């Protein structure tokens, strides 16, 4: 599992975890990553409690940010 960080033209940072299909945004790179880590933690805890199959979970995300690697 890894984290990607993108910056939009208006300096909004988007942190992504493609393996879990989770995204977060922030005014700084550090803020976006912290929010994403919190989201990952909540996601993993809720999947353990609910015990649902992650493969059957679908989410739609739309990002209009240029993807720079």
PDB file of N, CA and C in Angstrom:
ATOM      1  N   UNK A   1       0.850  -1.166   0.000  1.00  0.00           N
ATOM      2  CA  UNK A   1       0.000   0.000   0.000  1.00  0.00           C
ATOM      3  C   UNK A   1       0.900   1.235   0.000  1.00  0.00           C
ATOM      4  N   UNK A   2       0.512   2.233  -0.782  1.00  0.00           N
ATOM      5  CA  UNK A   2       1.319   3.441  -0.886  1.00  0.00           C
ATOM      6  C   UNK A   2       0.412   4.659  -1.018  1.00  0.00           C
ATOM      7  N   UNK A   3       0.990   5.846  -0.849  1.00  0.00           N
ATOM      8  CA  UNK A   3       0.253   7.106  -0.941  1.00  0.00           C
ATOM      9  C   UNK A   3       0.842   7.933  -2.071  1.00  0.00           C
ATOM     10  N   UNK A   4      -0.041   8.484  -2.893  1.00  0.00           N
ATOM     11  CA  UNK A   4       0.359   9.426  -3.936  1.00  0.00           C
ATOM     12  C   UNK A   4      -0.153  10.799  -3.540  1.00  0.00           C
ATOM     13  N   UNK A   5       0.595  11.841  -3.885  1.00  0.00           N
ATOM     14  CA  UNK A   5       0.161  13.207  -3.593  1.00  0.00           C
ATOM     15  C   UNK A   5       0.197  14.010  -4.881  1.00  0.00           C
ATOM     16  N   UNK A   6      -0.902  14.708  -5.152  1.00  0.00           N
ATOM     17  CA  UNK A   6      -1.028  15.554  -6.330  1.00  0.00           C
ATOM     18  C   UNK A   6      -1.294  16.980  -5.885  1.00  0.00           C
ATOM     19  N   UNK A   7      -0.854  17.921  -6.696  1.00  0.00           N
ATOM     20  CA  UNK A   7      -1.134  19.327  -6.420  1.00  0.00           C
ATOM     21  C   UNK A   7      -1.892  19.896  -7.601  1.00  0.00           C
ATOM     22  N   UNK A   8      -3.010  20.558  -7.328  1.00  0.00           N
ATOM     23  CA  UNK A   8      -3.806  21.149  -8.393  1.00  0.00           C
ATOM     24  C   UNK A   8      -3.223  22.501  -8.789  1.00  0.00           C
ATOM     25  N   UNK A   9      -3.757  23.057  -9.858  1.00  0.00           N
ATOM     26  CA  UNK A   9      -3.281  24.363 -10.320  1.00  0.00           C
ATOM     27  C   UNK A   9      -3.583  25.471  -9.314  1.00  0.00           C
ATOM     28  N   UNK A  10      -4.600  25.266  -8.453  1.00  0.00           N
ATOM     29  CA  UNK A  10      -4.919  26.268  -7.439  1.00  0.00           C
ATOM     30  C   UNK A  10      -4.346  25.901  -6.073  1.00  0.00           C
ATOM     31  N   UNK A  11      -3.285  25.087  -6.083  1.00  0.00           N
ATOM     32  CA  UNK A  11      -2.518  24.736  -4.883  1.00  0.00           C
ATOM     33  C   UNK A  11      -3.322  24.010  -3.810  1.00  0.00           C
ATOM     34  N   UNK A  12      -4.236  23.174  -4.217  1.00  0.00           N
ATOM     35  CA  UNK A  12      -4.909  22.255  -3.303  1.00  0.00           C
ATOM     36  C   UNK A  12      -4.211  20.909  -3.460  1.00  0.00           C
ATOM     37  N   UNK A  13      -3.858  20.291  -2.355  1.00  0.00           N
ATOM     38  CA  UNK A  13      -3.161  19.007  -2.396  1.00  0.00           C
ATOM     39  C   UNK A  13      -4.163  17.870  -2.219  1.00  0.00           C
ATOM     40  N   UNK A  14      -3.991  16.834  -3.006  1.00  0.00           N
ATOM     41  CA  UNK A  14      -4.835  15.644  -2.926  1.00  0.00           C
ATOM     42  C   UNK A  14      -3.928  14.460  -2.642  1.00  0.00           C
ATOM     43  N   UNK A  15      -4.221  13.743  -1.554  1.00  0.00           N
ATOM     44  CA  UNK A  15      -3.490  12.523  -1.211  1.00  0.00           C
ATOM     45  C   UNK A  15      -4.388  11.342  -1.566  1.00  0.00           C
ATOM     46  N   UNK A  16      -3.809  10.334  -2.203  1.00  0.00           N
ATOM     47  CA  UNK A  16      -4.582   9.181  -2.659  1.00  0.00           C
ATOM     48  C   UNK A  16      -3.935   7.883  -2.204  1.00  0.00           C
ATOM     49  N   UNK A  17      -4.774   6.931  -1.850  1.00  0.00           N
ATOM     50  CA  UNK A  17      -4.337   5.566  -1.576  1.00  0.00           C
ATOM     51  C   UNK A  17      -5.074   4.680  -2.578  1.00  0.00           C
ATOM     52  N   UNK A  18      -4.481   4.443  -3.745  1.00  0.00           N
ATOM     53  CA  UNK A  18      -5.158   3.692  -4.798  1.00  0.00           C
ATOM     54  C   UNK A  18      -5.579   2.282  -4.383  1.00  0.00           C
ATOM     55  N   UNK A  19      -4.799   1.644  -3.539  1.00  0.00           N
ATOM     56  CA  UNK A  19      -5.125   0.274  -3.131  1.00  0.00           C
ATOM     57  C   UNK A  19      -6.462   0.189  -2.401  1.00  0.00           C
ATOM     58  N   UNK A  20      -6.811   1.231  -1.641  1.00  0.00           N
ATOM     59  CA  UNK A  20      -8.070   1.243  -0.898  1.00  0.00           C
ATOM     60  C   UNK A  20      -9.114   2.158  -1.527  1.00  0.00           C
ATOM     61  N   UNK A  21      -8.743   2.819  -2.611  1.00  0.00           N
ATOM     62  CA  UNK A  21      -9.613   3.777  -3.296  1.00  0.00           C
ATOM     63  C   UNK A  21     -10.072   4.885  -2.353  1.00  0.00           C
ATOM     64  N   UNK A  22      -9.125   5.400  -1.570  1.00  0.00           N
ATOM     65  CA  UNK A  22      -9.408   6.483  -0.640  1.00  0.00           C
ATOM     66  C   UNK A  22      -8.633   7.726  -1.051  1.00  0.00           C
ATOM     67  N   UNK A  23      -9.275   8.892  -0.864  1.00  0.00           N
ATOM     68  CA  UNK A  23      -8.669  10.166  -1.221  1.00  0.00           C
ATOM     69  C   UNK A  23      -8.940  11.182  -0.127  1.00  0.00           C
ATOM     70  N   UNK A  24      -8.083  12.190  -0.072  1.00  0.00           N
ATOM     71  CA  UNK A  24      -8.252  13.270   0.889  1.00  0.00           C
ATOM     72  C   UNK A  24      -7.607  14.511   0.300  1.00  0.00           C
ATOM     73  N   UNK A  25      -8.036  15.665   0.752  1.00  0.00           N
ATOM     74  CA  UNK A  25      -7.411  16.892   0.256  1.00  0.00           C
ATOM     75  C   UNK A  25      -7.107  17.841   1.395  1.00  0.00           C
ATOM     76  N   UNK A  26      -6.194  18.773   1.143  1.00  0.00           N
ATOM     77  CA  UNK A  26      -5.818  19.740   2.162  1.00  0.00           C
ATOM     78  C   UNK A  26      -5.137  20.944   1.552  1.00  0.00           C
ATOM     79  N   UNK A  27      -4.948  21.961   2.361  1.00  0.00           N
ATOM     80  CA  UNK A  27      -4.282  23.180   1.888  1.00  0.00           C
ATOM     81  C   UNK A  27      -2.778  22.990   1.758  1.00  0.00           C
ATOM     82  N   UNK A  28      -2.248  21.996   2.488  1.00  0.00           N
ATOM     83  CA  UNK A  28      -0.821  21.681   2.386  1.00  0.00           C
ATOM     84  C   UNK A  28      -0.673  20.183   2.134  1.00  0.00           C
ATOM     85  N   UNK A  29       0.497  19.794   1.676  1.00  0.00           N
ATOM     86  CA  UNK A  29       0.769  18.375   1.449  1.00  0.00           C
ATOM     87  C   UNK A  29       0.655  17.596   2.761  1.00  0.00           C
ATOM     88  N   UNK A  30       1.202  18.168   3.818  1.00  0.00           N
ATOM     89  CA  UNK A  30       1.168  17.521   5.130  1.00  0.00           C
ATOM     90  C   UNK A  30      -0.272  17.325   5.621  1.00  0.00           C
ATOM     91  N   UNK A  31      -1.122  18.336   5.442  1.00  0.00           N
ATOM     92  CA  UNK A  31      -2.518  18.239   5.867  1.00  0.00           C
ATOM     93  C   UNK A  31      -3.265  17.160   5.075  1.00  0.00           C
ATOM     94  N   UNK A  32      -3.042  17.101   3.771  1.00  0.00           N
ATOM     95  CA  UNK A  32      -3.706  16.094   2.935  1.00  0.00           C
ATOM     96  C   UNK A  32      -3.292  14.681   3.344  1.00  0.00           C
ATOM     97  N   UNK A  33      -2.015  14.483   3.620  1.00  0.00           N
ATOM     98  CA  UNK A  33      -1.525  13.155   4.025  1.00  0.00           C
ATOM     99  C   UNK A  33      -2.078  12.767   5.392  1.00  0.00           C
ATOM    100  N   UNK A  34      -2.114  13.717   6.333  1.00  0.00           N
ATOM    101  CA  UNK A  34      -2.653  13.414   7.661  1.00  0.00           C
ATOM    102  C   UNK A  34      -4.123  13.019   7.573  1.00  0.00           C
ATOM    103  N   UNK A  35      -4.903  13.763   6.791  1.00  0.00           N
ATOM    104  CA  UNK A  35      -6.319  13.433   6.630  1.00  0.00           C
ATOM    105  C   UNK A  35      -6.493  12.061   5.991  1.00  0.00           C
ATOM    106  N   UNK A  36      -5.646  11.749   5.011  1.00  0.00           N
ATOM    107  CA  UNK A  36      -5.737  10.446   4.360  1.00  0.00           C
ATOM    108  C   UNK A  36      -5.406   9.326   5.339  1.00  0.00           C
ATOM    109  N   UNK A  37      -4.372   9.501   6.138  1.00  0.00           N
ATOM    110  CA  UNK A  37      -4.014   8.474   7.129  1.00  0.00           C
ATOM    111  C   UNK A  37      -5.152   8.264   8.122  1.00  0.00           C
ATOM    112  N   UNK A  38      -5.822   9.354   8.523  1.00  0.00           N
ATOM    113  CA  UNK A  38      -6.982   9.224   9.406  1.00  0.00           C
ATOM    114  C   UNK A  38      -8.112   8.464   8.716  1.00  0.00           C
ATOM    115  N   UNK A  39      -8.344   8.764   7.440  1.00  0.00           N
ATOM    116  CA  UNK A  39      -9.380   8.061   6.676  1.00  0.00           C
ATOM    117  C   UNK A  39      -9.058   6.581   6.529  1.00  0.00           C
ATOM    118  N   UNK A  40      -7.801   6.264   6.291  1.00  0.00           N
ATOM    119  CA  UNK A  40      -7.387   4.860   6.166  1.00  0.00           C
ATOM    120  C   UNK A  40      -7.630   4.134   7.478  1.00  0.00           C
ATOM    121  N   UNK A  41      -7.272   4.772   8.582  1.00  0.00           N
ATOM    122  CA  UNK A  41      -7.469   4.167   9.899  1.00  0.00           C
ATOM    123  C   UNK A  41      -8.951   3.887  10.149  1.00  0.00           C
ATOM    124  N   UNK A  42      -9.816   4.876   9.891  1.00  0.00           N
ATOM    125  CA  UNK A  42     -11.261   4.682  10.069  1.00  0.00           C
ATOM    126  C   UNK A  42     -11.799   3.599   9.139  1.00  0.00           C
ATOM    127  N   UNK A  43     -11.317   3.593   7.907  1.00  0.00           N
ATOM    128  CA  UNK A  43     -11.771   2.600   6.929  1.00  0.00           C
ATOM    129  C   UNK A  43     -11.428   1.187   7.394  1.00  0.00           C
ATOM    130  N   UNK A  44     -10.197   0.991   7.833  1.00  0.00           N
ATOM    131  CA  UNK A  44      -9.778  -0.346   8.264  1.00  0.00           C
ATOM    132  C   UNK A  44     -10.526  -0.783   9.520  1.00  0.00           C
ATOM    133  N   UNK A  45     -10.750   0.140  10.448  1.00  0.00           N
ATOM    134  CA  UNK A  45     -11.505  -0.197  11.653  1.00  0.00           C
ATOM    135  C   UNK A  45     -12.951  -0.543  11.316  1.00  0.00           C
ATOM    136  N   UNK A  46     -13.569   0.211  10.433  1.00  0.00           N
ATOM    137  CA  UNK A  46     -14.966  -0.058  10.092  1.00  0.00           C
ATOM    138  C   UNK A  46     -15.103  -1.356   9.306  1.00  0.00           C
ATOM    139  N   UNK A  47     -14.124  -1.684   8.482  1.00  0.00           N
ATOM    140  CA  UNK A  47     -14.220  -2.928   7.709  1.00  0.00           C
ATOM    141  C   UNK A  47     -14.065  -4.137   8.639  1.00  0.00           C
ATOM    142  N   UNK A  48     -13.324  -3.988   9.720  1.00  0.00           N
ATOM    143  CA  UNK A  48     -13.199  -5.076  10.688  1.00  0.00           C
ATOM    144  C   UNK A  48     -14.494  -5.243  11.473  1.00  0.00           C
ATOM    145  N   UNK A  49     -15.135  -4.136  11.824  1.00  0.00           N
ATOM    146  CA  UNK A  49     -16.366  -4.198  12.595  1.00  0.00           C
ATOM    147  C   UNK A  49     -17.510  -4.752  11.742  1.00  0.00           C
ATOM    148  N   UNK A  50     -17.642  -4.234  10.556  1.00  0.00           N
ATOM    149  CA  UNK A  50     -18.739  -4.637   9.684  1.00  0.00           C
ATOM    150  C   UNK A  50     -18.468  -5.989   9.032  1.00  0.00           C
ATOM    151  N   UNK A  51     -17.200  -6.305   8.866  1.00  0.00           N
ATOM    152  CA  UNK A  51     -16.765  -7.556   8.247  1.00  0.00           C
ATOM    153  C   UNK A  51     -17.339  -7.711   6.839  1.00  0.00           C
ATOM    154  N   UNK A  52     -17.300  -6.634   6.075  1.00  0.00           N
ATOM    155  CA  UNK A  52     -17.785  -6.738   4.714  1.00  0.00           C
ATOM    156  C   UNK A  52     -16.621  -7.009   3.776  1.00  0.00           C
ATOM    157  N   UNK A  53     -16.936  -7.554   2.653  1.00  0.00           N
ATOM    158  CA  UNK A  53     -15.945  -7.893   1.661  1.00  0.00           C
ATOM    159  C   UNK A  53     -15.540  -6.622   0.916  1.00  0.00           C
ATOM    160  N   UNK A  54     -14.277  -6.244   1.009  1.00  0.00           N
ATOM    161  CA  UNK A  54     -13.797  -5.022   0.377  1.00  0.00           C
ATOM    162  C   UNK A  54     -13.972  -5.084  -1.141  1.00  0.00           C
ATOM    163  N   UNK A  55     -13.877  -6.253  -1.729  1.00  0.00           N
ATOM    164  CA  UNK A  55     -14.014  -6.379  -3.181  1.00  0.00           C
ATOM    165  C   UNK A  55     -15.407  -5.971  -3.650  1.00  0.00           C
ATOM    166  N   UNK A  56     -16.417  -6.090  -2.804  1.00  0.00           N
ATOM    167  CA  UNK A  56     -17.775  -5.725  -3.182  1.00  0.00           C
ATOM    168  C   UNK A  56     -18.101  -4.260  -2.885  1.00  0.00           C
ATOM    169  N   UNK A  57     -17.145  -3.520  -2.390  1.00  0.00           N
ATOM    170  CA  UNK A  57     -17.352  -2.116  -2.083  1.00  0.00           C
ATOM    171  C   UNK A  57     -16.925  -1.291  -3.292  1.00  0.00           C
ATOM    172  N   UNK A  58     -17.813  -0.431  -3.758  1.00  0.00           N
ATOM    173  CA  UNK A  58     -17.456   0.414  -4.897  1.00  0.00           C
ATOM    174  C   UNK A  58     -17.627   1.871  -4.507  1.00  0.00           C
ATOM    175  N   UNK A  59     -16.744   2.705  -5.021  1.00  0.00           N
ATOM    176  CA  UNK A  59     -16.791   4.144  -4.774  1.00  0.00           C
ATOM    177  C   UNK A  59     -16.467   4.860  -6.068  1.00  0.00           C
ATOM    178  N   UNK A  60     -17.026   6.022  -6.241  1.00  0.00           N
ATOM    179  CA  UNK A  60     -16.729   6.844  -7.401  1.00  0.00           C
ATOM    180  C   UNK A  60     -16.033   8.107  -6.937  1.00  0.00           C
ATOM    181  N   UNK A  61     -14.918   8.437  -7.561  1.00  0.00           N
ATOM    182  CA  UNK A  61     -14.188   9.656  -7.254  1.00  0.00           C
ATOM    183  C   UNK A  61     -13.906  10.384  -8.555  1.00  0.00           C
ATOM    184  N   UNK A  62     -14.050  11.652  -8.533  1.00  0.00           N
ATOM    185  CA  UNK A  62     -13.744  12.469  -9.691  1.00  0.00           C
ATOM    186  C   UNK A  62     -12.707  13.494  -9.290  1.00  0.00           C
ATOM    187  N   UNK A  63     -11.573  13.451  -9.914  1.00  0.00           N
ATOM    188  CA  UNK A  63     -10.503  14.413  -9.662  1.00  0.00           C
ATOM    189  C   UNK A  63     -10.170  15.115 -10.954  1.00  0.00           C
ATOM    190  N   UNK A  64     -10.205  16.410 -10.918  1.00  0.00           N
ATOM    191  CA  UNK A  64      -9.864  17.189 -12.105  1.00  0.00           C
ATOM    192  C   UNK A  64      -8.473  17.787 -11.962  1.00  0.00           C
ATOM    193  N   UNK A  65      -7.594  17.048 -11.347  1.00  0.00           N
ATOM    194  CA  UNK A  65      -6.243  17.530 -11.096  1.00  0.00           C
ATOM    195  C   UNK A  65      -5.289  16.841 -12.054  1.00  0.00           C
ATOM    196  N   UNK A  66      -4.296  17.573 -12.515  1.00  0.00           N
ATOM    197  CA  UNK A  66      -3.290  16.906 -13.353  1.00  0.00           C
ATOM    198  C   UNK A  66      -2.497  15.930 -12.508  1.00  0.00           C
ATOM    199  N   UNK A  67      -2.285  14.759 -13.031  1.00  0.00           N
ATOM    200  CA  UNK A  67      -1.565  13.743 -12.284  1.00  0.00           C
ATOM    201  C   UNK A  67      -0.088  13.818 -12.649  1.00  0.00           C
ATOM    202  N   UNK A  68       0.700  14.215 -11.664  1.00  0.00           N
ATOM    203  CA  UNK A  68       2.145  14.337 -11.855  1.00  0.00           C
ATOM    204  C   UNK A  68       2.834  13.307 -10.987  1.00  0.00           C
ATOM    205  N   UNK A  69       3.773  12.620 -11.547  1.00  0.00           N
ATOM    206  CA  UNK A  69       4.509  11.604 -10.783  1.00  0.00           C
ATOM    207  C   UNK A  69       5.933  12.037 -10.623  1.00  0.00           C
TER     208      UNK A  69
END
